[in-house]
C-alpha atoms as a PDB file:
ATOM      1  CA  MET A   1     -11.177  51.049  24.928  1.00  0.00           C
ATOM      2  CA  SER A   2      -8.577  50.629  27.663  1.00  0.00           C
ATOM      3  CA  GLU A   3     -10.694  48.373  29.746  1.00  0.00           C
ATOM      4  CA  LYS A   4     -11.514  46.202  26.981  1.00  0.00           C
ATOM      5  CA  ARG A   5      -7.810  45.857  25.951  1.00  0.00           C
ATOM      6  CA  ASN A   6      -6.971  45.059  29.496  1.00  0.00           C
ATOM      7  CA  GLY A   7      -9.713  42.493  29.513  1.00  0.00           C
ATOM      8  CA  CYS A   8      -8.442  40.821  26.395  1.00  0.00           C
ATOM      9  CA  LEU A   9      -4.804  40.763  27.563  1.00  0.00           C
ATOM     10  CA  THR A  10      -5.957  39.264  30.944  1.00  0.00           C
ATOM     11  CA  ALA A  11      -7.627  36.542  29.035  1.00  0.00           C
ATOM     12  CA  VAL A  12      -4.812  35.888  26.850  1.00  0.00           C
ATOM     13  CA  LEU A  13      -2.498  35.456  29.796  1.00  0.00           C
ATOM     14  CA  ILE A  14      -4.916  33.224  31.628  1.00  0.00           C
ATOM     15  CA  MET A  15      -5.135  31.043  28.486  1.00  0.00           C
ATOM     16  CA  GLY A  16      -1.347  31.176  28.306  1.00  0.00           C
ATOM     17  CA  LEU A  17      -1.045  29.865  31.859  1.00  0.00           C
ATOM     18  CA  LEU A  18      -3.481  27.092  31.462  1.00  0.00           C
ATOM     19  CA  VAL A  19      -1.746  25.886  28.179  1.00  0.00           C
ATOM     20  CA  SER A  20       1.501  26.088  30.175  1.00  0.00           C
ATOM     21  CA  ALA A  21       0.048  23.961  33.108  1.00  0.00           C
ATOM     22  CA  ILE A  22      -1.621  21.486  30.833  1.00  0.00           C
ATOM     23  CA  LEU A  23       1.953  20.824  28.932  1.00  0.00           C
ATOM     24  CA  ASN A  24       3.928  20.503  32.192  1.00  0.00           C
ATOM     25  CA  ILE A  25       1.440  17.881  33.591  1.00  0.00           C
ATOM     26  CA  ALA A  26       1.482  16.054  30.271  1.00  0.00           C
ATOM     27  CA  PHE A  27       5.373  16.133  30.150  1.00  0.00           C
ATOM     28  CA  LEU A  28       5.596  15.116  34.004  1.00  0.00           C
ATOM     29  CA  SER A  29       2.897  12.232  33.188  1.00  0.00           C
ATOM     30  CA  SER A  30       4.712  10.983  30.225  1.00  0.00           C
ATOM     31  CA  ARG A  31       8.051  11.212  31.985  1.00  0.00           C
ATOM     32  CA  SER A  32       6.441   9.169  35.090  1.00  0.00           C
ATOM     33  CA  SER A  33       4.818   6.795  33.008  1.00  0.00           C
ATOM     34  CA  ARG A  34       8.149   5.920  31.133  1.00  0.00           C
ATOM     35  CA  MET A  35       9.933   5.385  34.400  1.00  0.00           C
ATOM     36  CA  VAL A  36       7.138   3.291  35.736  1.00  0.00           C
ATOM     37  CA  LYS A  37       7.427   1.156  32.483  1.00  0.00           C
ATOM     38  CA  GLY A  38      11.158   0.948  32.323  1.00  0.00           C
ATOM     39  CA  SER A  39      11.599   0.542  36.183  1.00  0.00           C
ATOM     40  CA  SER A  40       8.657  -1.645  37.385  1.00  0.00           C
ATOM     41  CA  SER A  41       9.355  -4.375  40.536  1.00  0.00           C
ATOM     42  CA  SER A  42       9.415  -7.326  38.065  1.00  0.00           C
ATOM     43  CA  GLY A  43      11.701  -5.046  35.489  1.00  0.00           C
ATOM     44  CA  SER A  44       8.987  -5.507  32.898  1.00  0.00           C
ATOM     45  CA  PRO A  45       6.845  -2.845  31.301  1.00  0.00           C
ATOM     46  CA  ALA A  46       3.344  -2.418  32.766  1.00  0.00           C
ATOM     47  CA  SER A  47       0.501  -4.473  31.525  1.00  0.00           C
ATOM     48  CA  PHE A  48      -2.402  -3.409  29.230  1.00  0.00           C
ATOM     49  CA  GLY A  49      -5.855  -3.389  30.653  1.00  0.00           C
ATOM     50  CA  GLU A  50      -8.698  -5.503  29.282  1.00  0.00           C
ATOM     51  CA  ASP A  51     -12.359  -4.800  27.885  1.00  0.00           C
ATOM     52  CA  VAL A  52     -14.743  -7.046  26.750  1.00  0.00           C
ATOM     53  CA  VAL A  53     -15.633  -6.934  22.921  1.00  0.00           C
ATOM     54  CA  VAL A  54     -18.240  -8.561  20.548  1.00  0.00           C
ATOM     55  CA  GLN A  55     -20.081 -10.457  23.608  1.00  0.00           C
ATOM     56  CA  PRO A  56     -19.307 -11.318  27.296  1.00  0.00           C
ATOM     57  CA  ALA A  57     -18.959 -14.808  28.273  1.00  0.00           C
ATOM     58  CA  HIS A  58     -22.046 -17.016  28.317  1.00  0.00           C
ATOM     59  CA  ASN A  59     -22.967 -20.659  29.211  1.00  0.00           C
ATOM     60  CA  GLY A  60     -21.088 -20.102  32.523  1.00  0.00           C
ATOM     61  CA  SER A  61     -17.648 -20.130  30.839  1.00  0.00           C
ATOM     62  CA  ASP A  62     -14.952 -18.348  32.751  1.00  0.00           C
ATOM     63  CA  LYS A  63     -12.436 -18.542  29.587  1.00  0.00           C
ATOM     64  CA  LYS A  64     -11.398 -15.787  27.447  1.00  0.00           C
ATOM     65  CA  VAL A  65     -10.464 -15.264  23.928  1.00  0.00           C
ATOM     66  CA  ALA A  66      -7.872 -12.497  23.566  1.00  0.00           C
ATOM     67  CA  VAL A  67      -8.703 -10.488  20.361  1.00  0.00           C
ATOM     68  CA  ILE A  68      -5.411  -8.696  19.107  1.00  0.00           C
ATOM     69  CA  SER A  69      -5.221  -6.383  16.167  1.00  0.00           C
ATOM     70  CA  LEU A  70      -2.467  -5.873  13.781  1.00  0.00           C
ATOM     71  CA  ARG A  71      -3.306  -2.835  11.519  1.00  0.00           C
ATOM     72  CA  GLY A  72      -1.390  -0.353   9.149  1.00  0.00           C
ATOM     73  CA  VAL A  73       2.090  -0.801   8.131  1.00  0.00           C
ATOM     74  CA  ILE A  74       4.261  -3.078  10.221  1.00  0.00           C
ATOM     75  CA  SER A  75       7.115  -0.741  11.365  1.00  0.00           C
ATOM     76  CA  SER A  76       9.316  -0.245  14.344  1.00  0.00           C
ATOM     77  CA  ALA A  77       9.244   3.374  13.947  1.00  0.00           C
ATOM     78  CA  GLU A  78       5.643   4.119  14.832  1.00  0.00           C
ATOM     79  CA  PRO A  79       5.238   5.181  18.549  1.00  0.00           C
ATOM     80  CA  GLY A  80       3.320   2.875  20.668  1.00  0.00           C
ATOM     81  CA  ASP A  81       0.333   3.524  23.481  1.00  0.00           C
ATOM     82  CA  LEU A  82       2.059   1.978  26.218  1.00  0.00           C
ATOM     83  CA  ALA A  83       5.487   0.790  25.124  1.00  0.00           C
ATOM     84  CA  GLU A  84       8.070   2.680  23.225  1.00  0.00           C
ATOM     85  CA  THR A  85       6.635   1.475  19.726  1.00  0.00           C
ATOM     86  CA  ALA A  86       3.474  -0.084  18.359  1.00  0.00           C
ATOM     87  CA  LEU A  87       5.450  -3.100  17.542  1.00  0.00           C
ATOM     88  CA  ASP A  88       6.279  -3.352  21.223  1.00  0.00           C
ATOM     89  CA  ASP A  89       2.737  -2.883  22.008  1.00  0.00           C
ATOM     90  CA  LEU A  90       1.702  -5.998  19.918  1.00  0.00           C
ATOM     91  CA  ILE A  91       4.510  -8.044  21.507  1.00  0.00           C
ATOM     92  CA  LEU A  92       3.200  -7.095  25.050  1.00  0.00           C
ATOM     93  CA  GLN A  93      -0.118  -8.071  24.070  1.00  0.00           C
ATOM     94  CA  LEU A  94       0.843 -11.359  22.820  1.00  0.00           C
ATOM     95  CA  LYS A  95       2.923 -11.931  25.799  1.00  0.00           C
ATOM     96  CA  GLN A  96      -0.044 -10.954  28.068  1.00  0.00           C
ATOM     97  CA  ALA A  97      -2.242 -13.314  26.420  1.00  0.00           C
ATOM     98  CA  ARG A  98       0.007 -16.423  26.693  1.00  0.00           C
ATOM     99  CA  THR A  99       0.559 -15.775  30.248  1.00  0.00           C
ATOM    100  CA  ASP A 100      -2.625 -15.356  31.340  1.00  0.00           C
ATOM    101  CA  SER A 101      -4.345 -18.651  32.463  1.00  0.00           C
ATOM    102  CA  GLU A 102      -7.909 -17.578  31.725  1.00  0.00           C
ATOM    103  CA  VAL A 103      -7.001 -16.778  28.130  1.00  0.00           C
ATOM    104  CA  GLY A 104      -7.828 -19.999  26.027  1.00  0.00           C
ATOM    105  CA  ALA A 105      -6.966 -18.799  22.698  1.00  0.00           C
ATOM    106  CA  VAL A 106      -5.866 -15.835  20.590  1.00  0.00           C
ATOM    107  CA  LEU A 107      -7.749 -14.164  17.806  1.00  0.00           C
ATOM    108  CA  LEU A 108      -5.212 -12.069  15.693  1.00  0.00           C
ATOM    109  CA  ARG A 109      -7.151  -9.673  13.521  1.00  0.00           C
ATOM    110  CA  ILE A 110      -4.865  -8.448  10.623  1.00  0.00           C
ATOM    111  CA  ASP A 111      -5.477  -5.477   8.207  1.00  0.00           C
ATOM    112  CA  SER A 112      -2.097  -4.642   6.932  1.00  0.00           C
ATOM    113  CA  PRO A 113      -0.114  -4.685   3.395  1.00  0.00           C
ATOM    114  CA  GLY A 114       3.065  -5.749   5.324  1.00  0.00           C
ATOM    115  CA  GLY A 115       6.067  -3.678   6.173  1.00  0.00           C
ATOM    116  CA  GLU A 116       9.695  -4.038   7.319  1.00  0.00           C
ATOM    117  CA  VAL A 117      11.328  -7.433   7.065  1.00  0.00           C
ATOM    118  CA  THR A 118      12.741  -7.465  10.575  1.00  0.00           C
ATOM    119  CA  ALA A 119       9.594  -6.060  12.318  1.00  0.00           C
ATOM    120  CA  SER A 120       7.509  -8.654  10.485  1.00  0.00           C
ATOM    121  CA  ASP A 121       9.660 -11.495  11.394  1.00  0.00           C
ATOM    122  CA  ILE A 122       9.792 -10.342  15.110  1.00  0.00           C
ATOM    123  CA  LEU A 123       6.076 -10.518  15.117  1.00  0.00           C
ATOM    124  CA  TYR A 124       5.955 -14.076  13.408  1.00  0.00           C
ATOM    125  CA  GLN A 125       8.149 -15.110  16.084  1.00  0.00           C
ATOM    126  CA  GLU A 126       6.219 -13.942  18.942  1.00  0.00           C
ATOM    127  CA  VAL A 127       2.922 -15.380  17.449  1.00  0.00           C
ATOM    128  CA  LEU A 128       5.056 -18.789  17.082  1.00  0.00           C
ATOM    129  CA  LYS A 129       5.652 -18.543  20.835  1.00  0.00           C
ATOM    130  CA  THR A 130       1.962 -17.901  21.579  1.00  0.00           C
ATOM    131  CA  LYS A 131       1.027 -20.761  19.352  1.00  0.00           C
ATOM    132  CA  ALA A 132       3.225 -23.060  21.459  1.00  0.00           C
ATOM    133  CA  VAL A 133       1.028 -22.300  24.488  1.00  0.00           C
ATOM    134  CA  LYS A 134      -2.381 -21.808  23.205  1.00  0.00           C
ATOM    135  CA  PRO A 135      -4.259 -21.822  19.756  1.00  0.00           C
ATOM    136  CA  VAL A 136      -3.874 -18.711  17.578  1.00  0.00           C
ATOM    137  CA  VAL A 137      -6.477 -18.050  14.902  1.00  0.00           C
ATOM    138  CA  VAL A 138      -6.051 -15.443  12.446  1.00  0.00           C
ATOM    139  CA  SER A 139      -8.904 -13.275  10.920  1.00  0.00           C
ATOM    140  CA  MET A 140      -7.862 -11.237   7.664  1.00  0.00           C
ATOM    141  CA  ASP A 141      -9.801  -8.065   6.987  1.00  0.00           C
ATOM    142  CA  SER A 142      -9.524  -5.911   3.975  1.00  0.00           C
ATOM    143  CA  VAL A 143      -5.674  -6.666   3.387  1.00  0.00           C
ATOM    144  CA  ALA A 144      -3.369  -9.337   5.009  1.00  0.00           C
ATOM    145  CA  ALA A 145      -0.760  -9.110   2.243  1.00  0.00           C
ATOM    146  CA  SER A 146       3.302  -9.602   2.332  1.00  0.00           C
ATOM    147  CA  GLY A 147       4.530  -8.892   5.720  1.00  0.00           C
ATOM    148  CA  GLY A 148       0.715  -9.187   6.974  1.00  0.00           C
ATOM    149  CA  TYR A 149       0.443 -12.737   5.485  1.00  0.00           C
ATOM    150  CA  TYR A 150       4.235 -13.474   6.783  1.00  0.00           C
ATOM    151  CA  VAL A 151       2.794 -12.975  10.414  1.00  0.00           C
ATOM    152  CA  ALA A 152      -0.368 -14.716   9.656  1.00  0.00           C
ATOM    153  CA  CYS A 153       1.362 -17.890   8.728  1.00  0.00           C
ATOM    154  CA  ALA A 154       2.313 -18.461  12.367  1.00  0.00           C
ATOM    155  CA  GLY A 155      -1.395 -19.055  13.347  1.00  0.00           C
ATOM    156  CA  ASN A 156      -2.978 -22.480  13.669  1.00  0.00           C
ATOM    157  CA  TYR A 157      -6.111 -21.809  11.382  1.00  0.00           C
ATOM    158  CA  LEU A 158      -6.415 -18.898   8.893  1.00  0.00           C
ATOM    159  CA  PHE A 159      -9.887 -16.968   7.840  1.00  0.00           C
ATOM    160  CA  ALA A 160     -10.139 -14.721   5.194  1.00  0.00           C
ATOM    161  CA  HIS A 161     -12.981 -12.852   3.491  1.00  0.00           C
ATOM    162  CA  GLU A 162     -13.687 -13.522  -0.044  1.00  0.00           C
ATOM    163  CA  THR A 163     -12.599 -10.083  -0.947  1.00  0.00           C
ATOM    164  CA  THR A 164      -9.514 -10.018   1.121  1.00  0.00           C
ATOM    165  CA  ILE A 165      -6.439  -9.173  -0.539  1.00  0.00           C
ATOM    166  CA  THR A 166      -3.452 -11.467   0.749  1.00  0.00           C
ATOM    167  CA  ALA A 167      -0.355 -13.051  -0.414  1.00  0.00           C
ATOM    168  CA  SER A 168       2.149 -10.743  -2.077  1.00  0.00           C
ATOM    169  CA  ILE A 169       4.724 -13.282  -1.283  1.00  0.00           C
ATOM    170  CA  GLY A 170       7.920 -11.174  -1.855  1.00  0.00           C
ATOM    171  CA  VAL A 171      10.613  -8.555  -0.976  1.00  0.00           C
ATOM    172  CA  ILE A 172      11.160  -5.083  -2.015  1.00  0.00           C
ATOM    173  CA  MET A 173      13.720  -2.308  -1.804  1.00  0.00           C
ATOM    174  CA  GLN A 174      13.186   0.919  -3.481  1.00  0.00           C
ATOM    175  CA  SER A 175      15.220   4.279  -3.898  1.00  0.00           C
ATOM    176  CA  VAL A 176      14.796   7.267  -6.212  1.00  0.00           C
ATOM    177  CA  ASN A 177      17.391   8.444  -8.626  1.00  0.00           C
ATOM    178  CA  TYR A 178      17.541  12.151  -8.990  1.00  0.00           C
ATOM    179  CA  LYS A 179      20.836  12.625 -11.186  1.00  0.00           C
ATOM    180  CA  ASP A 180      19.303  13.965 -14.013  1.00  0.00           C
ATOM    181  CA  LEU A 181      16.818  16.488 -11.815  1.00  0.00           C
ATOM    182  CA  LEU A 182      20.272  17.626 -10.140  1.00  0.00           C
ATOM    183  CA  GLY A 183      21.941  18.074 -13.580  1.00  0.00           C
ATOM    184  CA  LYS A 184      18.844  20.160 -14.633  1.00  0.00           C
ATOM    185  CA  VAL A 185      19.114  22.886 -11.552  1.00  0.00           C
ATOM    186  CA  GLY A 186      22.765  22.810 -11.491  1.00  0.00           C
ATOM    187  CA  LEU A 187      23.378  20.788  -8.362  1.00  0.00           C
ATOM    188  CA  GLU A 188      26.114  18.220  -7.431  1.00  0.00           C
ATOM    189  CA  VAL A 189      26.415  15.843  -4.748  1.00  0.00           C
ATOM    190  CA  LEU A 190      29.929  15.454  -3.396  1.00  0.00           C
ATOM    191  CA  THR A 191      30.452  12.197  -1.704  1.00  0.00           C
ATOM    192  CA  PHE A 192      33.604  10.984   0.367  1.00  0.00           C
ATOM    193  CA  LYS A 193      33.258   7.322   1.364  1.00  0.00           C
ATOM    194  CA  SER A 194      35.497   4.558   3.092  1.00  0.00           C
ATOM    195  CA  GLY A 195      34.374   1.723   0.499  1.00  0.00           C
ATOM    196  CA  ALA A 196      32.691   1.026  -2.650  1.00  0.00           C
ATOM    197  CA  PHE A 197      29.352   0.185  -1.095  1.00  0.00           C
ATOM    198  CA  LYS A 198      29.189   2.828   1.556  1.00  0.00           C
ATOM    199  CA  ASP A 199      26.891   5.091  -0.424  1.00  0.00           C
ATOM    200  CA  LEU A 200      24.632   2.127  -1.524  1.00  0.00           C
ATOM    201  CA  LEU A 201      21.531   3.508  -3.125  1.00  0.00           C
ATOM    202  CA  ASN A 202      22.931   6.908  -3.509  1.00  0.00           C
ATOM    203  CA  GLY A 203      20.072   8.570  -5.854  1.00  0.00           C
ATOM    204  CA  ALA A 204      22.858  11.241  -7.006  1.00  0.00           C
ATOM    205  CA  ARG A 205      24.319   8.704  -9.451  1.00  0.00           C
ATOM    206  CA  GLU A 206      23.590   5.450 -11.400  1.00  0.00           C
ATOM    207  CA  LEU A 207      23.934   2.185  -9.698  1.00  0.00           C
ATOM    208  CA  THR A 208      26.827   0.087 -10.368  1.00  0.00           C
ATOM    209  CA  GLU A 209      26.792  -3.652 -11.626  1.00  0.00           C
ATOM    210  CA  ALA A 210      28.118  -4.772  -8.421  1.00  0.00           C
ATOM    211  CA  GLU A 211      25.752  -2.801  -6.491  1.00  0.00           C
ATOM    212  CA  ARG A 212      22.702  -4.147  -8.284  1.00  0.00           C
ATOM    213  CA  GLU A 213      24.046  -7.885  -7.685  1.00  0.00           C
ATOM    214  CA  TYR A 214      24.614  -7.117  -4.018  1.00  0.00           C
ATOM    215  CA  VAL A 215      21.173  -5.778  -3.532  1.00  0.00           C
ATOM    216  CA  GLN A 216      19.562  -8.523  -5.240  1.00  0.00           C
ATOM    217  CA  GLY A 217      21.258 -11.043  -3.138  1.00  0.00           C
ATOM    218  CA  LEU A 218      19.845  -9.343   0.188  1.00  0.00           C
ATOM    219  CA  ILE A 219      16.430  -9.358  -1.641  1.00  0.00           C
ATOM    220  CA  ASP A 220      16.955 -13.175  -2.629  1.00  0.00           C
ATOM    221  CA  GLN A 221      17.892 -14.067   0.879  1.00  0.00           C
ATOM    222  CA  SER A 222      14.838 -12.420   2.708  1.00  0.00           C
ATOM    223  CA  TYR A 223      12.666 -13.965  -0.169  1.00  0.00           C
ATOM    224  CA  ASP A 224      14.057 -17.605   0.465  1.00  0.00           C
ATOM    225  CA  ARG A 225      13.183 -17.208   4.142  1.00  0.00           C
ATOM    226  CA  PHE A 226       9.800 -15.966   3.383  1.00  0.00           C
ATOM    227  CA  VAL A 227       8.827 -18.753   0.679  1.00  0.00           C
ATOM    228  CA  GLY A 228      10.324 -21.170   3.230  1.00  0.00           C
ATOM    229  CA  ILE A 229       8.118 -20.231   5.884  1.00  0.00           C
ATOM    230  CA  VAL A 230       5.000 -20.225   3.884  1.00  0.00           C
ATOM    231  CA  ALA A 231       5.863 -23.607   2.480  1.00  0.00           C
ATOM    232  CA  ARG A 232       6.478 -25.192   5.899  1.00  0.00           C
ATOM    233  CA  GLU A 233       3.473 -23.512   7.939  1.00  0.00           C
ATOM    234  CA  ARG A 234       1.135 -24.154   4.998  1.00  0.00           C
ATOM    235  CA  HIS A 235       2.273 -27.563   3.944  1.00  0.00           C
ATOM    236  CA  LEU A 236       2.863 -26.747   0.713  1.00  0.00           C
ATOM    237  CA  GLU A 237       5.770 -27.467  -1.844  1.00  0.00           C
ATOM    238  CA  GLU A 238       8.204 -24.799  -2.180  1.00  0.00           C
ATOM    239  CA  ALA A 239       8.953 -25.372  -5.813  1.00  0.00           C
ATOM    240  CA  VAL A 240       5.394 -25.197  -6.400  1.00  0.00           C
ATOM    241  CA  LEU A 241       5.062 -21.911  -4.625  1.00  0.00           C
ATOM    242  CA  ARG A 242       8.118 -20.468  -6.353  1.00  0.00           C
ATOM    243  CA  SER A 243       6.719 -21.229  -9.693  1.00  0.00           C
ATOM    244  CA  GLY A 244       3.129 -20.115  -9.043  1.00  0.00           C
ATOM    245  CA  VAL A 245       1.527 -17.764  -6.350  1.00  0.00           C
ATOM    246  CA  ALA A 246       4.709 -16.810  -4.490  1.00  0.00           C
ATOM    247  CA  ASP A 247       5.841 -14.615  -7.413  1.00  0.00           C
ATOM    248  CA  GLY A 248       4.887 -11.211  -5.619  1.00  0.00           C
ATOM    249  CA  ARG A 249       1.281 -11.242  -6.984  1.00  0.00           C
ATOM    250  CA  ILE A 250      -1.952 -10.458  -4.714  1.00  0.00           C
ATOM    251  CA  VAL A 251      -4.774 -12.794  -4.567  1.00  0.00           C
ATOM    252  CA  SER A 252      -8.404 -12.414  -3.325  1.00  0.00           C
ATOM    253  CA  GLY A 253      -9.304 -14.600  -0.311  1.00  0.00           C
ATOM    254  CA  GLN A 254     -11.219 -16.798  -2.471  1.00  0.00           C
ATOM    255  CA  ASP A 255      -8.012 -17.580  -4.511  1.00  0.00           C
ATOM    256  CA  ALA A 256      -5.912 -17.739  -1.537  1.00  0.00           C
ATOM    257  CA  LEU A 257      -8.256 -20.690  -0.505  1.00  0.00           C
ATOM    258  CA  LYS A 258      -7.888 -22.445  -3.807  1.00  0.00           C
ATOM    259  CA  GLU A 259      -3.993 -21.985  -3.307  1.00  0.00           C
ATOM    260  CA  ARG A 260      -4.299 -23.372   0.170  1.00  0.00           C
ATOM    261  CA  LEU A 261      -2.875 -20.032   1.701  1.00  0.00           C
ATOM    262  CA  VAL A 262      -5.736 -19.944   4.135  1.00  0.00           C
ATOM    263  CA  ASP A 263      -7.918 -22.528   5.742  1.00  0.00           C
ATOM    264  CA  GLU A 264     -11.509 -21.111   5.405  1.00  0.00           C
ATOM    265  CA  LEU A 265     -13.504 -18.272   4.324  1.00  0.00           C
ATOM    266  CA  GLY A 266     -15.231 -16.243   6.730  1.00  0.00           C
ATOM    267  CA  GLY A 267     -15.351 -13.213   8.984  1.00  0.00           C
ATOM    268  CA  PHE A 268     -14.725 -12.403  12.621  1.00  0.00           C
ATOM    269  CA  ASP A 269     -17.525 -14.048  13.953  1.00  0.00           C
ATOM    270  CA  GLN A 270     -16.547 -17.366  12.270  1.00  0.00           C
ATOM    271  CA  ALA A 271     -12.807 -17.085  13.443  1.00  0.00           C
ATOM    272  CA  LEU A 272     -14.145 -16.253  17.013  1.00  0.00           C
ATOM    273  CA  GLU A 273     -16.079 -19.611  17.188  1.00  0.00           C
ATOM    274  CA  LYS A 274     -13.045 -21.436  15.673  1.00  0.00           C
ATOM    275  CA  ALA A 275     -10.871 -19.927  18.505  1.00  0.00           C
ATOM    276  CA  ARG A 276     -13.380 -21.019  21.135  1.00  0.00           C
ATOM    277  CA  GLU A 277     -13.546 -24.554  19.436  1.00  0.00           C
ATOM    278  CA  LEU A 278      -9.544 -24.773  19.741  1.00  0.00           C
ATOM    279  CA  ALA A 279      -9.387 -23.698  22.857  1.00  0.00           C
ATOM    280  CA  ASN A 280     -12.221 -25.986  24.003  1.00  0.00           C
ATOM    281  CA  ALA A 281     -14.071 -23.038  25.530  1.00  0.00           C
ATOM    282  CA  PRO A 282     -17.461 -22.723  24.275  1.00  0.00           C
ATOM    283  CA  GLY A 283     -19.133 -19.518  25.263  1.00  0.00           C
ATOM    284  CA  ALA A 284     -15.707 -18.006  26.123  1.00  0.00           C
ATOM    285  CA  ALA A 285     -15.651 -14.094  26.305  1.00  0.00           C
ATOM    286  CA  ALA A 286     -13.919 -12.136  23.750  1.00  0.00           C
ATOM    287  CA  ILE A 287     -11.633  -9.485  25.151  1.00  0.00           C
ATOM    288  CA  ARG A 288      -9.108  -6.976  23.811  1.00  0.00           C
ATOM    289  CA  TYR A 289      -6.349  -5.226  25.544  1.00  0.00           C
ATOM    290  CA  THR A 290      -6.390  -1.344  25.839  1.00  0.00           C
ATOM    291  CA  ALA A 291      -3.602   0.953  27.031  1.00  0.00           C
ATOM    292  CA  PRO A 292      -4.364   3.006  30.076  1.00  0.00           C
ATOM    293  CA  PHE A 293      -4.890   6.725  29.688  1.00  0.00           C
ATOM    294  CA  ALA A 294      -1.727   9.017  29.597  1.00  0.00           C
ATOM    295  CA  PHE A 295      -1.544  12.474  29.308  1.00  0.00           C
ATOM    296  CA  GLY A 296       1.561  12.078  27.078  1.00  0.00           C
ATOM    297  CA  ARG A 297      -0.300  10.186  24.230  1.00  0.00           C
ATOM    298  CA  LEU A 298      -2.962  13.238  24.617  1.00  0.00           C
ATOM    299  CA  LEU A 299      -0.181  15.645  24.070  1.00  0.00           C
ATOM    300  CA  ARG A 300       1.173  13.648  21.115  1.00  0.00           C
ATOM    301  CA  PHE A 301      -2.189  13.658  19.503  1.00  0.00           C
ATOM    302  CA  LEU A 302      -2.642  17.248  19.742  1.00  0.00           C
ATOM    303  CA  SER A 303       0.956  17.893  18.519  1.00  0.00           C
ATOM    304  CA  GLU A 304       0.187  15.887  15.414  1.00  0.00           C
ATOM    305  CA  ALA A 305      -3.183  17.298  14.687  1.00  0.00           C
ATOM    306  CA  PRO A 306      -3.172  19.042  11.285  1.00  0.00           C
ATOM    307  CA  THR A 307      -2.705  22.895  11.066  1.00  0.00           C
ATOM    308  CA  LYS A 308      -4.474  25.244   9.141  1.00  0.00           C
ATOM    309  CA  GLY A 309      -2.867  25.940   5.737  1.00  0.00           C
ATOM    310  CA  GLY A 310      -0.569  23.767   4.012  1.00  0.00           C
ATOM    311  CA  LYS A 311       3.132  23.254   2.926  1.00  0.00           C
ATOM    312  CA  VAL A 312       5.114  21.853   0.210  1.00  0.00           C
ATOM    313  CA  GLN A 313       7.870  19.437   0.970  1.00  0.00           C
ATOM    314  CA  VAL A 314      10.464  17.928  -1.316  1.00  0.00           C
ATOM    315  CA  ASP A 315      12.003  14.780   0.031  1.00  0.00           C
ATOM    316  CA  LEU A 316      14.246  13.051  -2.365  1.00  0.00           C
ATOM    317  CA  GLY A 317      14.260   9.538  -1.442  1.00  0.00           C
ATOM    318  CA  ALA A 318      13.480   9.848   2.297  1.00  0.00           C
ATOM    319  CA  LYS A 319      10.346   8.058   1.849  1.00  0.00           C
ATOM    320  CA  VAL A 320       8.772   5.539  -0.274  1.00  0.00           C
ATOM    321  CA  GLY A 321       5.025   5.020  -0.360  1.00  0.00           C
ATOM    322  CA  GLY A 322       3.847   7.605   2.261  1.00  0.00           C
ATOM    323  CA  ASN A 323       5.713   7.299   5.776  1.00  0.00           C
ATOM    324  CA  ILE A 324       7.551   4.287   4.925  1.00  0.00           C
ATOM    325  CA  PRO A 325      11.518   5.097   5.164  1.00  0.00           C
ATOM    326  CA  SER A 326      13.682   4.013   2.270  1.00  0.00           C
ATOM    327  CA  GLY A 327      16.953   2.043   2.384  1.00  0.00           C
ATOM    328  CA  ARG A 328      15.162  -0.987   4.209  1.00  0.00           C
ATOM    329  CA  LEU A 329      14.032  -4.267   3.048  1.00  0.00           C
ATOM    330  CA  TYR A 330      10.202  -4.939   3.019  1.00  0.00           C
ATOM    331  CA  PHE A 331       7.627  -7.372   2.881  1.00  0.00           C
ATOM    332  CA  LEU A 332       5.223  -4.722   1.567  1.00  0.00           C
ATOM    333  CA  SER A 333       2.291  -5.210  -0.946  1.00  0.00           C
ATOM    334  CA  PRO A 334       1.813  -2.666  -3.619  1.00  0.00           C
ATOM    335  CA  VAL A 335      -1.798  -2.235  -2.114  1.00  0.00           C
ATOM    336  CA  LEU A 336      -1.119   0.121   1.021  1.00  0.00           C
ATOM    337  CA  SER A 337      -3.498   0.915   3.604  1.00  0.00           C
ATOM    338  CA  PRO A 338      -4.924   4.564   3.159  1.00  0.00           C
END
């Protein structure tokens, strides 16, 4: 029995040492990766690698179409694979595509219900910069709504499936009022503030009329920008948009074509052919950018893996719609990605 216990203890110690070694290597690798990205000789982050997708070049073409994917909620809070955030990753890919002389066009695949107003606008501006250098074709998948559609508007040519959910042209900001709940359990929130609006959207009390007007003004400001961009990029009358499809509704790809929100119905293959056509590069390879392997990402994946058992979490107003922080303006469709 003693020998058996000693054997088990030895195995546990060995496993512990291995885990410790892996964690240290991952930490040092992650730290080294950040140092390289932040202090390269050119002062800019490292580049993505590339991989051929769909089909390699044919007909002797030496051109490429860079396929860049925007998926999920557009947020500045999601960690990136190469840069600090997922938003930064997309910006790096767009920059890499427009500075690569072998890339003749960009095919932007969008499957997103939207997200933060500022993050969406940053991506929109980056796509505009890319479009100024080479054509950008947009291929909408299941959802390209609100902020997803906002970004899409920067493209030269927009494709949607008949069943794609898109549009949702509007702005939303939400909070949770839990004043009555606090009263039921005998809790009271004490707030000391420097000004009337410092605790704006405080869920422990009712919103004042002045606060309602102020928040609505912020919403209207962002909405005006959104509608103006759609009108300009899609060559539509702004007044017609405001009185029609730009009321926040979602529409199918088929209806989006009728409303001239997209240029054509089709999938990835049709969008790829259009990108080749606009780039004047028939037979161009379709490539996508991939981040190099890093132990830091592996460590993050392992740390985020679900553990056995569950927990109950009460979060009053900290999140709206899953993992979406409250207290921010959103171009966000009511149809959320799983």
